[in-house]
Amino acid sequence: MPLTLRFERVTFSYGQFRPSVLREFTWIIPPGRTVLLGPNGAGKSTLLSLGADAIRPQRGKIQFGQFDPSRSGERSIYRRSIGWMPQEIRAVPGLTVREQVAYAGWLKGLPRKSSWDRTPATLGLVGLQALADRPASSLSGGELRRLGIAQTLVHEAKVLLLDEPTAGLDPAQRARFRELLISIAPQCQIVVSTHQVDDLSELFDTVVVLARGMIRFAGTVASFLQQAPSSSNGRQAEAAYAAVIG
């Protein structure tokens, strides 16, 4: 059985006197490509941040296979196995594009030389090879998004958690991202948090809808689209999402 990322009875709040974003939340990430939908404040970014070990739950357990990031001896293996792209991608002052991607790989546990050697091919996947020697701080918003994707790929993670990865990308760049997603899917599990519901049938195997910290729907793309009323006027995915949330 392949290793997978799972959340067991996870509770998380951003403060002692603030309501829980997730409460007793349990989920096992399915194989293939999963799209995570939900309104603002549903808990999508929090869920991915928890999965990446960027924040820790107050209660519950998060594991990749048998590896638990709360145990010091297993944290490095866990974090190297998980690739995370947060919504905000920041340039590291003083680093070039290639140096920033190599640095990200080194932070995930790759040897320095291995991380440096892998970077050109990784930049090629996201179309940034021509900008490798430019300061990362000079990149546009869309280029920074692609830099963020490269940082999740350089250490060959087993699970990719991508939070709004196509925000700020133009149509051609979004098309390139779709091709990239399809090409890397056989090697890892992918979860993409997004507000966009186009191309579901082409890109994803599973749809999960999160609202108020709870899973309102989890199933195949076909079963998700069946949630739409017959009067959806061709906008079946949007109608299905509205029906699930509504």
Protein backbone atom coordinates (compact mmCIF):
# COMPACT_ATOMS: atom_id res chain seq x y z
CA MET A 1 0.00 0.00 0.00
CA PRO A 2 1.53 3.37 -1.01
CA LEU A 3 2.30 5.93 1.66
CA THR A 4 -0.29 8.65 1.98
CA LEU A 5 -0.94 11.80 3.99
CA ARG A 6 -3.67 11.56 6.58
CA PHE A 7 -5.30 13.77 9.18
CA GLU A 8 -6.79 12.10 12.25
CA ARG A 9 -9.20 14.03 14.51
CA VAL A 10 -7.29 17.26 13.95
CA THR A 11 -8.35 20.44 15.74
CA PHE A 12 -6.77 23.81 15.01
CA SER A 13 -7.46 27.39 16.08
CA TYR A 14 -5.44 30.57 15.50
CA GLY A 15 -5.89 31.65 19.11
CA GLN A 16 -7.15 30.45 22.48
CA PHE A 17 -10.27 32.61 22.29
CA ARG A 18 -10.95 32.23 18.57
CA PRO A 19 -13.20 29.56 17.07
CA SER A 20 -11.60 26.44 15.66
CA VAL A 21 -10.92 26.46 11.92
CA LEU A 22 -10.87 22.65 11.98
CA ARG A 23 -12.42 20.51 14.71
CA GLU A 24 -12.02 16.73 14.97
CA PHE A 25 -11.14 16.74 11.28
CA THR A 26 -10.28 13.41 9.66
CA TRP A 27 -9.23 12.94 6.04
CA ILE A 28 -6.98 10.63 4.03
CA ILE A 29 -5.65 12.19 0.84
CA PRO A 30 -6.72 10.01 -2.10
CA PRO A 31 -4.35 8.91 -4.86
CA GLY A 32 -3.97 10.98 -8.00
CA ARG A 33 -4.95 14.63 -8.39
CA THR A 34 -7.41 16.17 -5.94
CA VAL A 35 -9.00 19.60 -6.20
CA LEU A 36 -9.94 21.25 -2.91
CA LEU A 37 -12.81 23.70 -3.28
CA GLY A 38 -14.49 25.95 -0.76
CA PRO A 39 -15.37 29.55 0.06
CA ASN A 40 -13.00 32.01 1.70
CA GLY A 41 -12.55 31.07 5.35
CA ALA A 42 -13.46 27.42 4.77
CA GLY A 43 -10.10 26.22 6.13
CA LYS A 44 -8.41 25.22 2.86
CA SER A 45 -5.16 27.15 3.41
CA THR A 46 -5.06 26.09 7.06
CA LEU A 47 -5.46 22.45 6.07
CA LEU A 48 -2.59 22.62 3.57
CA SER A 49 -0.38 24.51 6.05
CA LEU A 50 -1.01 21.78 8.62
CA GLY A 51 -0.20 19.10 6.07
CA ALA A 52 3.08 20.87 5.28
CA ASP A 53 3.98 21.09 8.99
CA ALA A 54 4.12 24.89 8.70
CA ILE A 55 1.73 25.01 11.68
CA ARG A 56 0.85 22.37 14.27
CA PRO A 57 -2.60 21.23 15.42
CA GLN A 58 -3.73 21.72 18.99
CA ARG A 59 -5.10 18.19 18.98
CA GLY A 60 -5.02 15.21 16.67
CA LYS A 61 -2.40 13.59 14.49
CA ILE A 62 -1.02 14.19 10.99
CA GLN A 63 1.15 11.51 9.38
CA PHE A 64 2.68 10.57 6.07
CA GLY A 65 2.76 6.79 6.22
CA GLN A 66 4.29 6.05 9.60
CA PHE A 67 6.18 9.36 9.72
CA ASP A 68 4.88 11.87 12.26
CA PRO A 69 6.35 15.41 12.16
CA SER A 70 5.68 15.87 15.88
CA ARG A 71 8.40 13.29 16.56
CA SER A 72 11.79 14.95 16.13
CA GLY A 73 13.45 11.90 14.60
CA GLU A 74 10.85 11.70 11.82
CA ARG A 75 10.23 15.36 11.05
CA SER A 76 12.94 15.73 8.38
CA ILE A 77 11.70 12.68 6.45
CA TYR A 78 8.12 13.90 6.70
CA ARG A 79 8.94 17.43 5.49
CA ARG A 80 11.05 16.21 2.59
CA SER A 81 8.13 14.02 1.50
CA ILE A 82 5.69 16.95 1.40
CA GLY A 83 5.94 19.78 -1.13
CA TRP A 84 4.01 22.91 -0.18
CA MET A 85 3.26 26.03 -2.15
CA PRO A 86 1.58 28.69 0.01
CA GLN A 87 -0.55 31.45 -1.47
CA GLU A 88 2.14 34.08 -0.97
CA ILE A 89 5.49 33.44 -2.63
CA ARG A 90 8.30 35.69 -1.48
CA ALA A 91 11.65 36.31 -3.10
CA VAL A 92 14.64 35.75 -0.83
CA PRO A 93 16.70 38.98 -0.87
CA GLY A 94 20.07 38.60 -2.57
CA LEU A 95 19.34 35.24 -4.24
CA THR A 96 18.96 34.51 -7.91
CA VAL A 97 16.09 32.40 -9.19
CA ARG A 98 18.31 29.30 -9.37
CA GLU A 99 19.78 29.95 -5.94
CA GLN A 100 16.35 30.31 -4.35
CA VAL A 101 15.10 27.02 -5.77
CA ALA A 102 18.33 25.25 -4.75
CA TYR A 103 18.02 26.79 -1.29
CA ALA A 104 14.47 25.45 -0.99
CA GLY A 105 15.73 21.96 -1.83
CA TRP A 106 18.52 22.25 0.73
CA LEU A 107 16.02 23.31 3.41
CA LYS A 108 14.06 20.13 2.65
CA GLY A 109 17.13 18.00 3.31
CA LEU A 110 18.80 17.59 -0.07
CA PRO A 111 22.61 17.72 -0.10
CA ARG A 112 23.79 21.11 -1.31
CA LYS A 113 25.31 19.84 -4.58
CA SER A 114 22.32 17.62 -5.37
CA SER A 115 19.93 20.49 -4.84
CA TRP A 116 22.00 22.79 -7.05
CA ASP A 117 22.29 20.17 -9.82
CA ARG A 118 18.55 19.47 -9.88
CA THR A 119 17.56 23.10 -10.19
CA PRO A 120 18.02 23.70 -13.97
CA ALA A 121 15.70 20.82 -14.92
CA THR A 122 13.16 21.96 -12.33
CA LEU A 123 13.20 25.52 -13.67
CA GLY A 124 12.71 24.07 -17.15
CA LEU A 125 9.50 22.37 -16.03
CA VAL A 126 7.97 25.72 -15.06
CA GLY A 127 9.45 27.76 -17.90
CA LEU A 128 11.90 29.79 -15.84
CA GLN A 129 15.20 28.41 -17.15
CA ALA A 130 15.91 31.63 -19.08
CA LEU A 131 15.56 33.62 -15.84
CA ALA A 132 17.78 31.38 -13.69
CA ASP A 133 20.45 34.03 -13.11
CA ARG A 134 18.12 36.95 -12.52
CA PRO A 135 17.51 38.20 -8.95
CA ALA A 136 14.42 36.50 -7.59
CA SER A 137 13.27 39.90 -6.35
CA SER A 138 12.95 41.10 -9.97
CA LEU A 139 10.28 38.53 -10.91
CA SER A 140 6.73 39.51 -11.74
CA GLY A 141 3.79 38.13 -9.79
CA GLY A 142 3.15 35.36 -12.29
CA GLU A 143 6.83 34.46 -12.41
CA LEU A 144 6.91 34.24 -8.62
CA ARG A 145 4.00 31.77 -8.77
CA ARG A 146 6.05 29.59 -11.11
CA LEU A 147 9.05 29.94 -8.80
CA GLY A 148 6.85 28.68 -5.97
CA ILE A 149 5.89 25.62 -8.00
CA ALA A 150 9.57 24.94 -8.76
CA GLN A 151 10.36 25.02 -5.05
CA THR A 152 7.85 22.23 -4.41
CA LEU A 153 9.30 20.06 -7.20
CA VAL A 154 13.04 20.29 -6.65
CA HIS A 155 13.17 17.82 -3.74
CA GLU A 156 10.94 15.23 -5.48
CA ALA A 157 8.18 15.26 -2.87
CA LYS A 158 5.70 12.40 -2.68
CA VAL A 159 2.77 14.73 -1.92
CA LEU A 160 2.28 18.22 -3.40
CA LEU A 161 0.05 20.70 -1.57
CA LEU A 162 -0.56 23.68 -3.86
CA ASP A 163 -2.54 26.64 -2.52
CA GLU A 164 -4.04 28.71 -5.37
CA PRO A 165 -1.11 27.86 -7.68
CA THR A 166 -2.59 29.54 -10.78
CA ALA A 167 -3.45 32.88 -9.15
CA GLY A 168 -1.80 35.61 -11.19
CA LEU A 169 -0.97 33.38 -14.16
CA ASP A 170 -2.07 34.36 -17.65
CA PRO A 171 -4.02 31.87 -19.83
CA ALA A 172 -0.87 30.52 -21.51
CA GLN A 173 0.84 30.01 -18.13
CA ARG A 174 -2.27 28.28 -16.74
CA ALA A 175 -2.24 25.94 -19.73
CA ARG A 176 1.43 25.15 -19.05
CA PHE A 177 0.58 24.49 -15.40
CA ARG A 178 -2.16 22.05 -16.42
CA GLU A 179 0.31 20.17 -18.61
CA LEU A 180 2.82 20.11 -15.76
CA LEU A 181 0.22 18.78 -13.33
CA ILE A 182 -0.68 15.94 -15.65
CA SER A 183 2.96 15.04 -16.30
CA ILE A 184 4.02 14.82 -12.65
CA ALA A 185 0.87 13.14 -11.33
CA PRO A 186 2.08 9.53 -11.76
CA GLN A 187 4.98 10.21 -9.38
CA CYS A 188 3.06 11.79 -6.49
CA GLN A 189 -0.25 12.69 -4.90
CA ILE A 190 -1.40 16.25 -5.60
CA VAL A 191 -3.87 18.49 -3.80
CA VAL A 192 -4.73 21.82 -5.42
CA SER A 193 -6.72 24.40 -3.51
CA THR A 194 -8.52 26.76 -5.87
CA HIS A 195 -11.60 28.86 -6.51
CA GLN A 196 -11.62 27.90 -10.19
CA VAL A 197 -13.89 25.07 -11.24
CA ASP A 198 -13.07 24.92 -14.95
CA ASP A 199 -11.26 21.93 -16.44
CA LEU A 200 -12.22 19.64 -13.54
CA SER A 201 -12.79 16.59 -15.70
CA GLU A 202 -9.50 17.05 -17.54
CA LEU A 203 -7.27 17.76 -14.56
CA PHE A 204 -8.56 16.00 -11.45
CA ASP A 205 -9.55 12.57 -10.24
CA THR A 206 -11.24 13.65 -6.99
CA VAL A 207 -13.21 16.69 -5.86
CA VAL A 208 -13.34 17.69 -2.19
CA VAL A 209 -15.48 20.60 -1.03
CA LEU A 210 -14.61 22.14 2.34
CA ALA A 211 -16.88 24.57 4.19
CA ARG A 212 -16.60 25.76 7.79
CA GLY A 213 -13.87 23.25 8.45
CA MET A 214 -15.94 20.26 7.35
CA ILE A 215 -15.93 18.16 4.21
CA ARG A 216 -19.26 18.71 2.48
CA PHE A 217 -18.45 16.54 -0.53
CA ALA A 218 -15.75 14.06 -1.54
CA GLY A 219 -15.97 11.99 -4.68
CA THR A 220 -15.17 11.68 -8.34
CA VAL A 221 -15.52 14.56 -10.75
CA ALA A 222 -18.49 12.82 -12.38
CA SER A 223 -20.33 12.40 -9.08
CA PHE A 224 -19.59 16.03 -8.19
CA LEU A 225 -21.04 17.31 -11.46
CA GLN A 226 -24.16 15.26 -10.81
CA GLN A 227 -24.87 17.54 -7.84
CA ALA A 228 -25.81 20.31 -10.29
CA PRO A 229 -29.52 20.91 -10.88
CA SER A 230 -30.81 20.25 -14.38
CA SER A 231 -31.29 23.99 -14.90
CA SER A 232 -27.55 24.78 -14.68
CA ASN A 233 -27.51 26.22 -18.25
CA GLY A 234 -24.16 24.67 -19.18
CA ARG A 235 -22.26 25.91 -16.12
CA GLN A 236 -22.45 22.52 -14.49
CA ALA A 237 -19.37 22.74 -12.25
CA GLU A 238 -20.35 26.11 -10.82
CA ALA A 239 -23.90 24.92 -10.26
CA ALA A 240 -22.69 21.74 -8.56
CA TYR A 241 -20.43 23.77 -6.25
CA ALA A 242 -23.29 26.12 -5.36
CA ALA A 243 -25.57 23.16 -4.65
CA VAL A 244 -23.02 21.51 -2.33
CA ILE A 245 -22.25 24.72 -0.46
CA GLY A 246 -25.80 26.01 -0.52
